[in-house]
C-alpha cells in the first residue's frame, strides 16, 4: 500500500498529475486545481491510500509537479 499526500492549496493547476495518473487525479471545474480522488482532508493536506500498483504512475505525478506538493510513502 502507498499513501499519497497532497497540498491542494498550493496547486497551480498545471495538469501534470492528471496526465500521469488519470485514475487518481482530476482537475476541478470550479477552481482549476487538481483533486486527489478518494482522499480525506487533514488540516492542509489531502491524503489517499492506494495499492502498490499505483506507485509508478503517482511517482511520475510527484516528479512532474512543478511546485512539488505531492509526496508518496510506502505504508
C-alpha atoms as a PDB file:
ATOM      1  CA  UNK A   1       0.000   0.000   0.000  1.00  0.00           C
ATOM      2  CA  UNK A   2       1.043   3.582  -0.574  1.00  0.00           C
ATOM      3  CA  UNK A   3      -0.003   6.895   0.953  1.00  0.00           C
ATOM      4  CA  UNK A   4      -0.349   9.901  -1.354  1.00  0.00           C
ATOM      5  CA  UNK A   5      -0.078  13.253   0.394  1.00  0.00           C
ATOM      6  CA  UNK A   6      -1.092  16.389  -1.486  1.00  0.00           C
ATOM      7  CA  UNK A   7      -1.178  20.116  -0.574  1.00  0.00           C
ATOM      8  CA  UNK A   8      -4.122  21.278  -2.686  1.00  0.00           C
ATOM      9  CA  UNK A   9      -3.988  24.915  -1.583  1.00  0.00           C
ATOM     10  CA  UNK A  10      -0.597  25.302  -3.286  1.00  0.00           C
ATOM     11  CA  UNK A  11      -1.722  23.677  -6.569  1.00  0.00           C
ATOM     12  CA  UNK A  12      -1.296  25.793  -9.713  1.00  0.00           C
ATOM     13  CA  UNK A  13      -3.482  23.565 -11.914  1.00  0.00           C
ATOM     14  CA  UNK A  14      -0.781  22.590 -14.411  1.00  0.00           C
ATOM     15  CA  UNK A  15      -2.373  19.169 -15.096  1.00  0.00           C
ATOM     16  CA  UNK A  16       0.888  17.172 -14.693  1.00  0.00           C
ATOM     17  CA  UNK A  17      -0.614  14.807 -12.113  1.00  0.00           C
ATOM     18  CA  UNK A  18      -3.754  14.089 -14.123  1.00  0.00           C
ATOM     19  CA  UNK A  19      -1.654  13.296 -17.190  1.00  0.00           C
ATOM     20  CA  UNK A  20       0.467  10.840 -15.183  1.00  0.00           C
ATOM     21  CA  UNK A  21      -2.356   9.130 -13.279  1.00  0.00           C
ATOM     22  CA  UNK A  22      -5.843   9.691 -14.710  1.00  0.00           C
ATOM     23  CA  UNK A  23      -7.451   7.178 -12.329  1.00  0.00           C
ATOM     24  CA  UNK A  24      -6.220   9.008  -9.188  1.00  0.00           C
ATOM     25  CA  UNK A  25      -6.265  12.706 -10.230  1.00  0.00           C
ATOM     26  CA  UNK A  26      -8.661  15.073 -11.993  1.00  0.00           C
ATOM     27  CA  UNK A  27      -8.963  18.835 -12.421  1.00  0.00           C
ATOM     28  CA  UNK A  28     -11.710  20.734 -10.652  1.00  0.00           C
ATOM     29  CA  UNK A  29     -14.065  22.664 -12.897  1.00  0.00           C
ATOM     30  CA  UNK A  30     -14.639  25.090 -10.024  1.00  0.00           C
ATOM     31  CA  UNK A  31     -11.133  26.375  -9.383  1.00  0.00           C
ATOM     32  CA  UNK A  32      -8.879  24.570 -11.891  1.00  0.00           C
ATOM     33  CA  UNK A  33      -6.831  22.845  -9.193  1.00  0.00           C
ATOM     34  CA  UNK A  34      -6.217  19.106  -9.062  1.00  0.00           C
ATOM     35  CA  UNK A  35      -8.364  16.804  -6.972  1.00  0.00           C
ATOM     36  CA  UNK A  36      -6.876  13.694  -5.363  1.00  0.00           C
ATOM     37  CA  UNK A  37      -9.634  11.131  -5.868  1.00  0.00           C
ATOM     38  CA  UNK A  38     -10.740   9.165  -2.762  1.00  0.00           C
ATOM     39  CA  UNK A  39      -8.747  11.362  -0.406  1.00  0.00           C
ATOM     40  CA  UNK A  40      -9.558  12.743   3.006  1.00  0.00           C
ATOM     41  CA  UNK A  41      -8.558  16.203   4.173  1.00  0.00           C
ATOM     42  CA  UNK A  42      -6.461  16.534   7.318  1.00  0.00           C
ATOM     43  CA  UNK A  43      -5.524  20.127   8.067  1.00  0.00           C
ATOM     44  CA  UNK A  44      -3.941  21.455   4.838  1.00  0.00           C
ATOM     45  CA  UNK A  45      -3.251  18.034   3.338  1.00  0.00           C
ATOM     46  CA  UNK A  46      -5.321  15.654   1.234  1.00  0.00           C
ATOM     47  CA  UNK A  47      -4.363  12.030   1.877  1.00  0.00           C
ATOM     48  CA  UNK A  48      -5.271   8.892  -0.078  1.00  0.00           C
ATOM     49  CA  UNK A  49      -4.324   5.272   0.397  1.00  0.00           C
ATOM     50  CA  UNK A  50      -3.731   3.297  -2.802  1.00  0.00           C
ATOM     51  CA  UNK A  51      -2.444  -0.086  -3.882  1.00  0.00           C
ATOM     52  CA  UNK A  52       1.161  -0.749  -4.809  1.00  0.00           C
ATOM     53  CA  UNK A  53       0.100  -0.957  -8.460  1.00  0.00           C
ATOM     54  CA  UNK A  54      -0.366   2.843  -8.441  1.00  0.00           C
ATOM     55  CA  UNK A  55       3.190   3.603  -7.257  1.00  0.00           C
ATOM     56  CA  UNK A  56       4.791   4.262 -10.669  1.00  0.00           C
ATOM     57  CA  UNK A  57       2.010   6.487 -12.011  1.00  0.00           C
ATOM     58  CA  UNK A  58       1.877   8.584  -8.846  1.00  0.00           C
ATOM     59  CA  UNK A  59       5.659   8.723  -8.602  1.00  0.00           C
ATOM     60  CA  UNK A  60       5.616  10.249 -12.091  1.00  0.00           C
ATOM     61  CA  UNK A  61       2.891  12.672 -10.965  1.00  0.00           C
ATOM     62  CA  UNK A  62       5.004  13.745  -7.969  1.00  0.00           C
ATOM     63  CA  UNK A  63       8.175  14.125 -10.046  1.00  0.00           C
ATOM     64  CA  UNK A  64       6.403  16.155 -12.752  1.00  0.00           C
ATOM     65  CA  UNK A  65       4.660  18.507 -10.308  1.00  0.00           C
ATOM     66  CA  UNK A  66       6.375  21.888 -10.779  1.00  0.00           C
ATOM     67  CA  UNK A  67       5.535  23.078  -7.259  1.00  0.00           C
ATOM     68  CA  UNK A  68       6.456  19.734  -5.588  1.00  0.00           C
ATOM     69  CA  UNK A  69       3.308  19.378  -3.486  1.00  0.00           C
ATOM     70  CA  UNK A  70       2.774  15.614  -3.954  1.00  0.00           C
ATOM     71  CA  UNK A  71       4.559  13.147  -1.683  1.00  0.00           C
ATOM     72  CA  UNK A  72       4.447   9.344  -1.648  1.00  0.00           C
ATOM     73  CA  UNK A  73       5.093   6.952   1.224  1.00  0.00           C
ATOM     74  CA  UNK A  74       5.070   3.171   1.435  1.00  0.00           C
ATOM     75  CA  UNK A  75       2.639   2.029   4.113  1.00  0.00           C
END
